[in-house]
Amino acid sequence: MRGAMVRARAGCWRLAREGEYLARTEFHSYSVRPGLRLFVLHPHTGRTHQLRVALKSLSAPILGDGRYGGSPADRGYLHACALRFEWAGACYCFEQLPCEGSVFAEPMVHEQILSLCPLWTLPWSGEH
């Protein structure tokens, strides 16, 4: 998903066809139960609220994210399961599955997350 991040109302952002702040997010989507999808996101850029805006533009706001249209929940369900970056000539990789939140604890959700690990093996485009 590509788009320009432009300011919207009340301090929010939205995706537009044209603009100065290009954002690119790659994603995989999985149905875990009726009315609930699990998204694994790979941001190729680092814009303010980029992941929240990307999911809202798909009509799939993050559960618990009231600012961008998500339903109320016991927590915000945006979780960084895997981070990988280079710094000072070394590559660092971290994975931490979610351990809090009633939705993450649901057996179908938890099993879907486990089936995707290690997340590095998902078929990403490799473009940056």
C-alpha atoms as a PDB file:
ATOM      1  CA  MET A   1       0.000   0.000   0.000  1.00  0.00           C
ATOM      2  CA  ARG A   2       1.397   3.383  -1.016  1.00  0.00           C
ATOM      3  CA  GLY A   3       0.115   6.862  -0.503  1.00  0.00           C
ATOM      4  CA  ALA A   4       0.993  10.322   0.644  1.00  0.00           C
ATOM      5  CA  MET A   5       0.368  11.088   4.284  1.00  0.00           C
ATOM      6  CA  VAL A   6      -1.561  14.346   4.549  1.00  0.00           C
ATOM      7  CA  ARG A   7      -2.938  16.097   7.598  1.00  0.00           C
ATOM      8  CA  ALA A   8      -6.607  15.571   8.327  1.00  0.00           C
ATOM      9  CA  ARG A   9      -8.843  16.913  11.087  1.00  0.00           C
ATOM     10  CA  ALA A  10      -8.103  16.915  14.831  1.00  0.00           C
ATOM     11  CA  GLY A  11      -4.415  16.048  14.462  1.00  0.00           C
ATOM     12  CA  CYS A  12      -5.045  12.892  12.431  1.00  0.00           C
ATOM     13  CA  TRP A  13      -3.536  11.856   9.122  1.00  0.00           C
ATOM     14  CA  ARG A  14      -4.961  10.222   6.025  1.00  0.00           C
ATOM     15  CA  LEU A  15      -3.660   8.649   2.825  1.00  0.00           C
ATOM     16  CA  ALA A  16      -3.928  10.620  -0.410  1.00  0.00           C
ATOM     17  CA  ARG A  17      -2.854  10.065  -4.000  1.00  0.00           C
ATOM     18  CA  GLU A  18      -0.547  13.077  -3.996  1.00  0.00           C
ATOM     19  CA  GLY A  19       1.438  14.842  -1.338  1.00  0.00           C
ATOM     20  CA  GLU A  20       4.819  15.406   0.188  1.00  0.00           C
ATOM     21  CA  TYR A  21       5.139  12.565   2.732  1.00  0.00           C
ATOM     22  CA  LEU A  22       5.055   9.280   0.819  1.00  0.00           C
ATOM     23  CA  ALA A  23       4.330   6.222   2.971  1.00  0.00           C
ATOM     24  CA  ARG A  24       4.663   2.573   1.967  1.00  0.00           C
ATOM     25  CA  THR A  25       3.386  -0.345   4.031  1.00  0.00           C
ATOM     26  CA  GLU A  26       3.376  -3.970   2.950  1.00  0.00           C
ATOM     27  CA  PHE A  27       0.994  -6.350   4.717  1.00  0.00           C
ATOM     28  CA  HIS A  28      -0.375  -9.868   5.028  1.00  0.00           C
ATOM     29  CA  SER A  29      -3.942 -10.404   6.251  1.00  0.00           C
ATOM     30  CA  TYR A  30      -5.426 -13.471   7.951  1.00  0.00           C
ATOM     31  CA  SER A  31      -8.994 -14.204   9.021  1.00  0.00           C
ATOM     32  CA  VAL A  32      -8.999 -15.544  12.590  1.00  0.00           C
ATOM     33  CA  ARG A  33     -12.737 -15.513  13.271  1.00  0.00           C
ATOM     34  CA  PRO A  34     -15.808 -13.771  11.846  1.00  0.00           C
ATOM     35  CA  GLY A  35     -15.341 -10.026  12.161  1.00  0.00           C
ATOM     36  CA  LEU A  36     -11.658 -10.210  13.121  1.00  0.00           C
ATOM     37  CA  ARG A  37      -8.568 -10.168  10.911  1.00  0.00           C
ATOM     38  CA  LEU A  38      -4.932 -10.326  11.901  1.00  0.00           C
ATOM     39  CA  PHE A  39      -2.626  -8.043   9.920  1.00  0.00           C
ATOM     40  CA  VAL A  40       1.141  -8.426   9.813  1.00  0.00           C
ATOM     41  CA  LEU A  41       2.589  -5.119   8.654  1.00  0.00           C
ATOM     42  CA  HIS A  42       5.974  -4.219   7.226  1.00  0.00           C
ATOM     43  CA  PRO A  43       6.505  -0.455   7.036  1.00  0.00           C
ATOM     44  CA  HIS A  44       9.043   0.565   4.391  1.00  0.00           C
ATOM     45  CA  THR A  45       8.894   4.189   5.514  1.00  0.00           C
ATOM     46  CA  GLY A  46       8.479   5.711   8.958  1.00  0.00           C
ATOM     47  CA  ARG A  47       5.728   8.307   8.866  1.00  0.00           C
ATOM     48  CA  THR A  48       3.697   9.559  11.813  1.00  0.00           C
ATOM     49  CA  HIS A  49       0.776   7.182  12.489  1.00  0.00           C
ATOM     50  CA  GLN A  50       1.627   5.324   9.248  1.00  0.00           C
ATOM     51  CA  LEU A  51       0.378   1.879  10.309  1.00  0.00           C
ATOM     52  CA  ARG A  52      -2.776   3.250  11.927  1.00  0.00           C
ATOM     53  CA  VAL A  53      -3.601   5.281   8.809  1.00  0.00           C
ATOM     54  CA  ALA A  54      -2.833   2.383   6.455  1.00  0.00           C
ATOM     55  CA  LEU A  55      -5.250   0.049   8.236  1.00  0.00           C
ATOM     56  CA  LYS A  56      -7.960   2.681   8.476  1.00  0.00           C
ATOM     57  CA  SER A  57      -7.644   3.229   4.707  1.00  0.00           C
ATOM     58  CA  LEU A  58      -8.343  -0.514   4.269  1.00  0.00           C
ATOM     59  CA  SER A  59     -11.482  -0.102   6.415  1.00  0.00           C
ATOM     60  CA  ALA A  60      -9.772  -2.251   9.053  1.00  0.00           C
ATOM     61  CA  PRO A  61      -8.873   0.120  11.913  1.00  0.00           C
ATOM     62  CA  ILE A  62      -6.807  -1.254  14.771  1.00  0.00           C
ATOM     63  CA  LEU A  63      -8.866  -2.633  17.636  1.00  0.00           C
ATOM     64  CA  GLY A  64      -8.675  -0.174  20.529  1.00  0.00           C
ATOM     65  CA  ASP A  65      -7.514   2.772  18.379  1.00  0.00           C
ATOM     66  CA  GLY A  66     -10.328   5.279  18.905  1.00  0.00           C
ATOM     67  CA  ARG A  67      -8.519   8.072  17.067  1.00  0.00           C
ATOM     68  CA  TYR A  68      -8.565   6.145  13.785  1.00  0.00           C
ATOM     69  CA  GLY A  69     -11.926   4.394  14.097  1.00  0.00           C
ATOM     70  CA  GLY A  70     -11.062   1.264  16.054  1.00  0.00           C
ATOM     71  CA  SER A  71     -13.625  -0.330  18.359  1.00  0.00           C
ATOM     72  CA  PRO A  72     -13.117   0.006  22.121  1.00  0.00           C
ATOM     73  CA  ALA A  73     -10.951  -2.737  23.603  1.00  0.00           C
ATOM     74  CA  ASP A  74      -8.992  -3.644  26.714  1.00  0.00           C
ATOM     75  CA  ARG A  75      -5.831  -2.316  25.007  1.00  0.00           C
ATOM     76  CA  GLY A  76      -4.571  -0.976  21.713  1.00  0.00           C
ATOM     77  CA  TYR A  77      -3.910  -3.960  19.458  1.00  0.00           C
ATOM     78  CA  LEU A  78      -0.934  -2.587  17.566  1.00  0.00           C
ATOM     79  CA  HIS A  79       2.012  -4.732  18.672  1.00  0.00           C
ATOM     80  CA  ALA A  80       5.575  -4.795  17.346  1.00  0.00           C
ATOM     81  CA  CYS A  81       6.178  -8.567  17.202  1.00  0.00           C
ATOM     82  CA  ALA A  82       9.405  -8.311  15.248  1.00  0.00           C
ATOM     83  CA  LEU A  83      11.971  -5.583  14.779  1.00  0.00           C
ATOM     84  CA  ARG A  84      15.068  -5.820  12.612  1.00  0.00           C
ATOM     85  CA  PHE A  85      17.552  -3.058  11.916  1.00  0.00           C
ATOM     86  CA  GLU A  86      21.218  -2.344  11.284  1.00  0.00           C
ATOM     87  CA  TRP A  87      23.186  -0.102  13.580  1.00  0.00           C
ATOM     88  CA  ALA A  88      26.909   0.530  13.795  1.00  0.00           C
ATOM     89  CA  GLY A  89      27.590  -2.195  11.224  1.00  0.00           C
ATOM     90  CA  ALA A  90      25.663  -4.925  13.038  1.00  0.00           C
ATOM     91  CA  CYS A  91      22.227  -6.425  12.332  1.00  0.00           C
ATOM     92  CA  TYR A  92      19.824  -6.689  15.271  1.00  0.00           C
ATOM     93  CA  CYS A  93      16.712  -8.895  15.226  1.00  0.00           C
ATOM     94  CA  PHE A  94      14.100  -9.084  17.975  1.00  0.00           C
ATOM     95  CA  GLU A  95      10.840 -11.015  18.238  1.00  0.00           C
ATOM     96  CA  GLN A  96       8.334 -10.713  21.082  1.00  0.00           C
ATOM     97  CA  LEU A  97       4.888 -12.210  20.700  1.00  0.00           C
ATOM     98  CA  PRO A  98       2.085 -10.330  22.462  1.00  0.00           C
ATOM     99  CA  CYS A  99       1.549 -11.538  26.024  1.00  0.00           C
ATOM    100  CA  GLU A 100      -1.220  -9.175  27.150  1.00  0.00           C
ATOM    101  CA  GLY A 101      -4.711  -8.498  25.836  1.00  0.00           C
ATOM    102  CA  SER A 102      -7.822 -10.633  25.794  1.00  0.00           C
ATOM    103  CA  VAL A 103      -7.982 -10.841  21.982  1.00  0.00           C
ATOM    104  CA  PHE A 104      -4.333 -11.943  21.681  1.00  0.00           C
ATOM    105  CA  ALA A 105      -5.122 -14.650  24.283  1.00  0.00           C
ATOM    106  CA  GLU A 106      -7.987 -16.128  22.227  1.00  0.00           C
ATOM    107  CA  PRO A 107      -6.875 -19.592  21.069  1.00  0.00           C
ATOM    108  CA  MET A 108      -7.587 -18.966  17.363  1.00  0.00           C
ATOM    109  CA  VAL A 109      -5.686 -15.660  17.400  1.00  0.00           C
ATOM    110  CA  HIS A 110      -2.766 -17.058  19.384  1.00  0.00           C
ATOM    111  CA  GLU A 111      -2.501 -20.127  17.123  1.00  0.00           C
ATOM    112  CA  GLN A 112      -2.546 -17.951  13.982  1.00  0.00           C
ATOM    113  CA  ILE A 113       0.271 -15.783  15.331  1.00  0.00           C
ATOM    114  CA  LEU A 114       2.349 -18.852  16.246  1.00  0.00           C
ATOM    115  CA  SER A 115       1.817 -20.339  12.772  1.00  0.00           C
ATOM    116  CA  LEU A 116       3.466 -17.272  11.209  1.00  0.00           C
ATOM    117  CA  CYS A 117       6.672 -17.459  13.231  1.00  0.00           C
ATOM    118  CA  PRO A 118       9.380 -16.768  12.549  1.00  0.00           C
ATOM    119  CA  LEU A 119       7.971 -13.626  10.980  1.00  0.00           C
ATOM    120  CA  TRP A 120      11.160 -13.101   8.944  1.00  0.00           C
ATOM    121  CA  THR A 121      10.083 -15.985   6.694  1.00  0.00           C
ATOM    122  CA  LEU A 122       6.908 -14.320   5.405  1.00  0.00           C
ATOM    123  CA  PRO A 123       7.129 -13.481   1.676  1.00  0.00           C
ATOM    124  CA  TRP A 124       7.959  -9.757   1.707  1.00  0.00           C
ATOM    125  CA  SER A 125       8.862  -7.910  -1.489  1.00  0.00           C
ATOM    126  CA  GLY A 126      12.303  -6.878  -0.272  1.00  0.00           C
ATOM    127  CA  GLU A 127      11.914  -3.386  -1.760  1.00  0.00           C
ATOM    128  CA  HIS A 128      12.807  -0.488   0.484  1.00  0.00           C
END
